[in-house]
């Protein structure tokens, strides 16, 4: 939307508008969103615990005699969080299946069009950021994006060295360079490009 549409009325009346033009009342969750929210919270907790244990291993905080047990727990938590992710994503796909009891073409289109818009927005802003950083103008750097491809703990190769994306951005961004980039770090790294 990027400021081209006054969303104040939608917010005032608790209405959400999707890119396919569907309007949804945000006043009360249906049973499917309640189930998905519960799964999301459980997945987040499992993933957070898995990452905490991985960090403890990396920091050498786990005694050698417990290392195997902790690695097994990490594997279990990883499998659990991936299974919950697949389950949640399956629900979105089910909405587009005409044989699903709660089939809704409007919801299916809202989900896919919202995902497409988010990807396009992220690609546009990532290109703008890289152009500012590289000193170029209107060059297309992003050639592929997926809904879960760019996350802070994703690893990339920079000068033949494997680094986490969030660590790489922290290393290249200097607040004094005034490139319109703000880093907020509250456990998860968020980079805001203005």
C-alpha atoms as a PDB file:
ATOM      1  CA  UNK A   1       0.000   0.000   0.000  1.00  0.00           C
ATOM      2  CA  UNK A   2       2.974   2.267   0.676  1.00  0.00           C
ATOM      3  CA  UNK A   3       0.918   5.304   1.640  1.00  0.00           C
ATOM      4  CA  UNK A   4      -1.178   5.341  -1.549  1.00  0.00           C
ATOM      5  CA  UNK A   5      -4.335   4.323   0.281  1.00  0.00           C
ATOM      6  CA  UNK A   6      -5.719   5.790   3.492  1.00  0.00           C
ATOM      7  CA  UNK A   7      -6.151   2.731   5.692  1.00  0.00           C
ATOM      8  CA  UNK A   8      -7.492   4.688   8.672  1.00  0.00           C
ATOM      9  CA  UNK A   9     -11.118   3.715   8.035  1.00  0.00           C
ATOM     10  CA  UNK A  10     -10.241   0.043   7.728  1.00  0.00           C
ATOM     11  CA  UNK A  11      -8.322   0.168  10.995  1.00  0.00           C
ATOM     12  CA  UNK A  12     -11.062   2.156  12.741  1.00  0.00           C
ATOM     13  CA  UNK A  13     -13.707  -0.410  11.805  1.00  0.00           C
ATOM     14  CA  UNK A  14     -11.520  -3.488  12.354  1.00  0.00           C
ATOM     15  CA  UNK A  15     -11.536  -4.535   8.718  1.00  0.00           C
ATOM     16  CA  UNK A  16      -8.710  -6.210   6.837  1.00  0.00           C
ATOM     17  CA  UNK A  17      -8.541  -5.852   3.051  1.00  0.00           C
ATOM     18  CA  UNK A  18      -6.577  -8.359   0.994  1.00  0.00           C
ATOM     19  CA  UNK A  19      -4.956  -7.673  -2.396  1.00  0.00           C
ATOM     20  CA  UNK A  20      -7.770  -9.554  -4.172  1.00  0.00           C
ATOM     21  CA  UNK A  21     -10.269  -7.045  -2.723  1.00  0.00           C
ATOM     22  CA  UNK A  22     -11.751  -9.275  -0.033  1.00  0.00           C
ATOM     23  CA  UNK A  23     -12.737  -7.562   3.220  1.00  0.00           C
ATOM     24  CA  UNK A  24     -12.577  -9.441   6.497  1.00  0.00           C
ATOM     25  CA  UNK A  25     -13.907  -8.509   9.929  1.00  0.00           C
ATOM     26  CA  UNK A  26     -11.042  -8.718  12.421  1.00  0.00           C
ATOM     27  CA  UNK A  27     -13.354  -8.572  15.436  1.00  0.00           C
ATOM     28  CA  UNK A  28     -13.581 -12.291  16.114  1.00  0.00           C
ATOM     29  CA  UNK A  29     -11.385 -15.203  15.039  1.00  0.00           C
ATOM     30  CA  UNK A  30     -12.991 -18.207  13.422  1.00  0.00           C
ATOM     31  CA  UNK A  31     -12.131 -21.711  14.550  1.00  0.00           C
ATOM     32  CA  UNK A  32      -9.537 -22.302  11.791  1.00  0.00           C
ATOM     33  CA  UNK A  33      -7.522 -19.166  12.690  1.00  0.00           C
ATOM     34  CA  UNK A  34      -7.691 -20.221  16.353  1.00  0.00           C
ATOM     35  CA  UNK A  35      -6.267 -23.645  15.485  1.00  0.00           C
ATOM     36  CA  UNK A  36      -3.565 -22.100  13.285  1.00  0.00           C
ATOM     37  CA  UNK A  37      -2.633 -19.554  15.969  1.00  0.00           C
ATOM     38  CA  UNK A  38      -2.242 -22.365  18.500  1.00  0.00           C
ATOM     39  CA  UNK A  39      -0.066 -24.363  16.094  1.00  0.00           C
ATOM     40  CA  UNK A  40       1.997 -21.263  15.324  1.00  0.00           C
ATOM     41  CA  UNK A  41       2.620 -20.573  19.013  1.00  0.00           C
ATOM     42  CA  UNK A  42       3.603 -24.194  19.599  1.00  0.00           C
ATOM     43  CA  UNK A  43       5.901 -24.161  16.563  1.00  0.00           C
ATOM     44  CA  UNK A  44       7.514 -20.900  17.689  1.00  0.00           C
ATOM     45  CA  UNK A  45       8.153 -22.299  21.167  1.00  0.00           C
ATOM     46  CA  UNK A  46       9.680 -25.507  19.740  1.00  0.00           C
ATOM     47  CA  UNK A  47      11.881 -23.587  17.320  1.00  0.00           C
ATOM     48  CA  UNK A  48      12.991 -21.148  20.013  1.00  0.00           C
ATOM     49  CA  UNK A  49      13.966 -24.002  22.342  1.00  0.00           C
ATOM     50  CA  UNK A  50      15.792 -25.790  19.503  1.00  0.00           C
ATOM     51  CA  UNK A  51      17.787 -22.635  18.711  1.00  0.00           C
ATOM     52  CA  UNK A  52      18.545 -22.106  22.417  1.00  0.00           C
ATOM     53  CA  UNK A  53      19.969 -25.621  22.690  1.00  0.00           C
ATOM     54  CA  UNK A  54      21.988 -25.177  19.487  1.00  0.00           C
ATOM     55  CA  UNK A  55      23.429 -21.974  20.926  1.00  0.00           C
ATOM     56  CA  UNK A  56      24.352 -23.767  24.151  1.00  0.00           C
ATOM     57  CA  UNK A  57      26.237 -26.384  22.137  1.00  0.00           C
ATOM     58  CA  UNK A  58      27.978 -23.669  20.118  1.00  0.00           C
ATOM     59  CA  UNK A  59      28.942 -21.875  23.333  1.00  0.00           C
ATOM     60  CA  UNK A  60      30.207 -25.187  24.780  1.00  0.00           C
ATOM     61  CA  UNK A  61      27.767 -24.954  27.715  1.00  0.00           C
ATOM     62  CA  UNK A  62      26.676 -28.600  27.451  1.00  0.00           C
ATOM     63  CA  UNK A  63      28.793 -31.211  29.263  1.00  0.00           C
ATOM     64  CA  UNK A  64      30.197 -33.913  26.975  1.00  0.00           C
ATOM     65  CA  UNK A  65      28.213 -36.653  28.696  1.00  0.00           C
ATOM     66  CA  UNK A  66      24.926 -34.832  27.845  1.00  0.00           C
ATOM     67  CA  UNK A  67      25.827 -33.784  24.303  1.00  0.00           C
ATOM     68  CA  UNK A  68      24.248 -36.788  22.562  1.00  0.00           C
ATOM     69  CA  UNK A  69      21.010 -36.381  24.508  1.00  0.00           C
ATOM     70  CA  UNK A  70      20.821 -32.654  23.720  1.00  0.00           C
ATOM     71  CA  UNK A  71      21.494 -33.298  20.008  1.00  0.00           C
ATOM     72  CA  UNK A  72      18.648 -35.831  19.997  1.00  0.00           C
ATOM     73  CA  UNK A  73      16.376 -33.238  21.609  1.00  0.00           C
ATOM     74  CA  UNK A  74      17.388 -30.672  18.971  1.00  0.00           C
ATOM     75  CA  UNK A  75      16.521 -33.177  16.245  1.00  0.00           C
ATOM     76  CA  UNK A  76      13.157 -33.921  17.888  1.00  0.00           C
ATOM     77  CA  UNK A  77      12.299 -30.229  18.222  1.00  0.00           C
ATOM     78  CA  UNK A  78      13.345 -29.534  14.635  1.00  0.00           C
ATOM     79  CA  UNK A  79      11.159 -32.369  13.336  1.00  0.00           C
ATOM     80  CA  UNK A  80       8.257 -31.130  15.461  1.00  0.00           C
ATOM     81  CA  UNK A  81       8.496 -27.515  14.267  1.00  0.00           C
ATOM     82  CA  UNK A  82       8.811 -28.600  10.617  1.00  0.00           C
ATOM     83  CA  UNK A  83       5.780 -30.879  10.966  1.00  0.00           C
ATOM     84  CA  UNK A  84       3.748 -28.007  12.417  1.00  0.00           C
ATOM     85  CA  UNK A  85       4.840 -25.744   9.557  1.00  0.00           C
ATOM     86  CA  UNK A  86       3.692 -28.336   7.012  1.00  0.00           C
ATOM     87  CA  UNK A  87       0.412 -28.795   8.872  1.00  0.00           C
ATOM     88  CA  UNK A  88      -0.257 -25.049   8.897  1.00  0.00           C
ATOM     89  CA  UNK A  89       0.653 -24.684   5.217  1.00  0.00           C
ATOM     90  CA  UNK A  90      -1.594 -27.655   4.375  1.00  0.00           C
ATOM     91  CA  UNK A  91      -4.529 -25.806   5.860  1.00  0.00           C
ATOM     92  CA  UNK A  92      -3.976 -22.917   3.480  1.00  0.00           C
ATOM     93  CA  UNK A  93      -3.871 -25.347   0.570  1.00  0.00           C
ATOM     94  CA  UNK A  94      -7.013 -27.096   1.799  1.00  0.00           C
ATOM     95  CA  UNK A  95      -8.946 -23.841   1.459  1.00  0.00           C
ATOM     96  CA  UNK A  96      -8.420 -24.063  -2.317  1.00  0.00           C
ATOM     97  CA  UNK A  97      -9.587 -27.682  -2.526  1.00  0.00           C
ATOM     98  CA  UNK A  98     -13.216 -27.908  -3.682  1.00  0.00           C
ATOM     99  CA  UNK A  99     -13.584 -31.186  -1.735  1.00  0.00           C
ATOM    100  CA  UNK A 100     -12.570 -29.573   1.578  1.00  0.00           C
ATOM    101  CA  UNK A 101     -15.554 -29.023   3.891  1.00  0.00           C
ATOM    102  CA  UNK A 102     -14.595 -25.362   4.389  1.00  0.00           C
ATOM    103  CA  UNK A 103     -13.490 -24.640   0.813  1.00  0.00           C
ATOM    104  CA  UNK A 104     -13.401 -20.930   0.048  1.00  0.00           C
ATOM    105  CA  UNK A 105     -12.103 -19.545  -3.217  1.00  0.00           C
ATOM    106  CA  UNK A 106     -12.092 -16.054  -1.661  1.00  0.00           C
ATOM    107  CA  UNK A 107      -9.835 -17.176   1.197  1.00  0.00           C
ATOM    108  CA  UNK A 108      -7.564 -19.167  -1.133  1.00  0.00           C
ATOM    109  CA  UNK A 109      -7.160 -16.147  -3.432  1.00  0.00           C
ATOM    110  CA  UNK A 110      -6.621 -13.838  -0.449  1.00  0.00           C
ATOM    111  CA  UNK A 111      -3.843 -16.082   0.858  1.00  0.00           C
ATOM    112  CA  UNK A 112      -2.003 -16.373  -2.462  1.00  0.00           C
ATOM    113  CA  UNK A 113      -2.443 -12.729  -3.466  1.00  0.00           C
ATOM    114  CA  UNK A 114      -1.246 -11.558  -0.028  1.00  0.00           C
ATOM    115  CA  UNK A 115       1.818 -13.794  -0.303  1.00  0.00           C
ATOM    116  CA  UNK A 116       2.561 -12.503  -3.797  1.00  0.00           C
ATOM    117  CA  UNK A 117       2.216  -8.881  -2.659  1.00  0.00           C
ATOM    118  CA  UNK A 118       4.511  -9.476   0.322  1.00  0.00           C
ATOM    119  CA  UNK A 119       7.153 -11.074  -1.915  1.00  0.00           C
ATOM    120  CA  UNK A 120       6.954  -8.225  -4.441  1.00  0.00           C
ATOM    121  CA  UNK A 121       7.177  -5.607  -1.671  1.00  0.00           C
ATOM    122  CA  UNK A 122      10.191  -7.328  -0.098  1.00  0.00           C
ATOM    123  CA  UNK A 123      11.924  -7.642  -3.480  1.00  0.00           C
ATOM    124  CA  UNK A 124      11.340  -3.967  -4.283  1.00  0.00           C
ATOM    125  CA  UNK A 125      12.690  -2.782  -0.935  1.00  0.00           C
ATOM    126  CA  UNK A 126      15.630  -5.185  -1.013  1.00  0.00           C
ATOM    127  CA  UNK A 127      16.565  -3.866  -4.481  1.00  0.00           C
ATOM    128  CA  UNK A 128      16.284  -0.274  -3.205  1.00  0.00           C
ATOM    129  CA  UNK A 129      18.512  -1.120  -0.224  1.00  0.00           C
ATOM    130  CA  UNK A 130      21.172  -2.830  -2.346  1.00  0.00           C
ATOM    131  CA  UNK A 131      21.110   0.014  -4.878  1.00  0.00           C
ATOM    132  CA  UNK A 132      21.726   2.543  -2.083  1.00  0.00           C
ATOM    133  CA  UNK A 133      24.489   0.398  -0.597  1.00  0.00           C
ATOM    134  CA  UNK A 134      26.138  -0.297  -3.968  1.00  0.00           C
ATOM    135  CA  UNK A 135      25.739   3.275  -5.236  1.00  0.00           C
ATOM    136  CA  UNK A 136      23.700   2.148  -8.238  1.00  0.00           C
ATOM    137  CA  UNK A 137      20.337   3.305  -9.536  1.00  0.00           C
ATOM    138  CA  UNK A 138      17.380   1.131 -10.485  1.00  0.00           C
ATOM    139  CA  UNK A 139      19.491  -2.011 -10.913  1.00  0.00           C
ATOM    140  CA  UNK A 140      17.614  -5.286 -10.354  1.00  0.00           C
ATOM    141  CA  UNK A 141      19.585  -7.414  -7.902  1.00  0.00           C
ATOM    142  CA  UNK A 142      16.779  -9.670  -6.699  1.00  0.00           C
ATOM    143  CA  UNK A 143      16.032 -12.356  -9.250  1.00  0.00           C
ATOM    144  CA  UNK A 144      14.211 -14.888  -7.059  1.00  0.00           C
ATOM    145  CA  UNK A 145      12.316 -14.769  -3.786  1.00  0.00           C
ATOM    146  CA  UNK A 146      10.207 -17.275  -1.928  1.00  0.00           C
ATOM    147  CA  UNK A 147       7.962 -16.790   1.086  1.00  0.00           C
ATOM    148  CA  UNK A 148      10.490 -18.200   3.539  1.00  0.00           C
ATOM    149  CA  UNK A 149      13.820 -17.880   1.756  1.00  0.00           C
ATOM    150  CA  UNK A 150      15.263 -14.810   3.445  1.00  0.00           C
ATOM    151  CA  UNK A 151      15.379 -15.100   7.213  1.00  0.00           C
ATOM    152  CA  UNK A 152      17.956 -13.805   9.662  1.00  0.00           C
ATOM    153  CA  UNK A 153      19.444 -17.189  10.475  1.00  0.00           C
ATOM    154  CA  UNK A 154      19.747 -18.223   6.809  1.00  0.00           C
ATOM    155  CA  UNK A 155      23.355 -18.759   5.810  1.00  0.00           C
ATOM    156  CA  UNK A 156      24.929 -17.212   2.738  1.00  0.00           C
ATOM    157  CA  UNK A 157      28.429 -17.259   1.291  1.00  0.00           C
ATOM    158  CA  UNK A 158      30.352 -13.978   1.264  1.00  0.00           C
ATOM    159  CA  UNK A 159      33.921 -14.087  -0.059  1.00  0.00           C
ATOM    160  CA  UNK A 160      33.858 -17.903   0.204  1.00  0.00           C
ATOM    161  CA  UNK A 161      32.925 -17.718   3.886  1.00  0.00           C
ATOM    162  CA  UNK A 162      29.623 -19.006   5.282  1.00  0.00           C
ATOM    163  CA  UNK A 163      27.870 -16.327   7.371  1.00  0.00           C
ATOM    164  CA  UNK A 164      24.375 -15.777   8.729  1.00  0.00           C
ATOM    165  CA  UNK A 165      22.417 -13.076   6.899  1.00  0.00           C
ATOM    166  CA  UNK A 166      21.729 -11.109  10.086  1.00  0.00           C
ATOM    167  CA  UNK A 167      25.411 -11.164  11.055  1.00  0.00           C
ATOM    168  CA  UNK A 168      26.453 -10.082   7.552  1.00  0.00           C
ATOM    169  CA  UNK A 169      24.078  -7.127   7.560  1.00  0.00           C
ATOM    170  CA  UNK A 170      25.270  -6.079  11.009  1.00  0.00           C
ATOM    171  CA  UNK A 171      28.844  -6.157   9.719  1.00  0.00           C
ATOM    172  CA  UNK A 172      28.180  -4.001   6.629  1.00  0.00           C
ATOM    173  CA  UNK A 173      25.776  -1.500   8.118  1.00  0.00           C
ATOM    174  CA  UNK A 174      27.166   1.480   9.905  1.00  0.00           C
ATOM    175  CA  UNK A 175      24.551   3.798  11.489  1.00  0.00           C
ATOM    176  CA  UNK A 176      26.740   6.773  10.537  1.00  0.00           C
ATOM    177  CA  UNK A 177      26.394   6.092   6.820  1.00  0.00           C
ATOM    178  CA  UNK A 178      22.785   7.387   6.825  1.00  0.00           C
ATOM    179  CA  UNK A 179      21.536   4.901   4.246  1.00  0.00           C
ATOM    180  CA  UNK A 180      18.043   4.858   5.744  1.00  0.00           C
ATOM    181  CA  UNK A 181      18.609   1.552   7.506  1.00  0.00           C
ATOM    182  CA  UNK A 182      17.581   0.918  11.075  1.00  0.00           C
ATOM    183  CA  UNK A 183      18.554  -2.229  12.956  1.00  0.00           C
ATOM    184  CA  UNK A 184      16.466  -3.323  15.891  1.00  0.00           C
ATOM    185  CA  UNK A 185      17.726  -6.352  17.780  1.00  0.00           C
ATOM    186  CA  UNK A 186      15.458  -7.889  20.389  1.00  0.00           C
ATOM    187  CA  UNK A 187      16.467 -11.511  20.108  1.00  0.00           C
ATOM    188  CA  UNK A 188      15.464 -11.658  16.458  1.00  0.00           C
ATOM    189  CA  UNK A 189      17.175  -9.228  14.108  1.00  0.00           C
ATOM    190  CA  UNK A 190      14.925  -6.901  12.179  1.00  0.00           C
ATOM    191  CA  UNK A 191      16.279  -4.672   9.472  1.00  0.00           C
ATOM    192  CA  UNK A 192      14.047  -1.824   8.386  1.00  0.00           C
ATOM    193  CA  UNK A 193      14.796  -0.105   5.089  1.00  0.00           C
ATOM    194  CA  UNK A 194      13.221   3.336   4.788  1.00  0.00           C
END
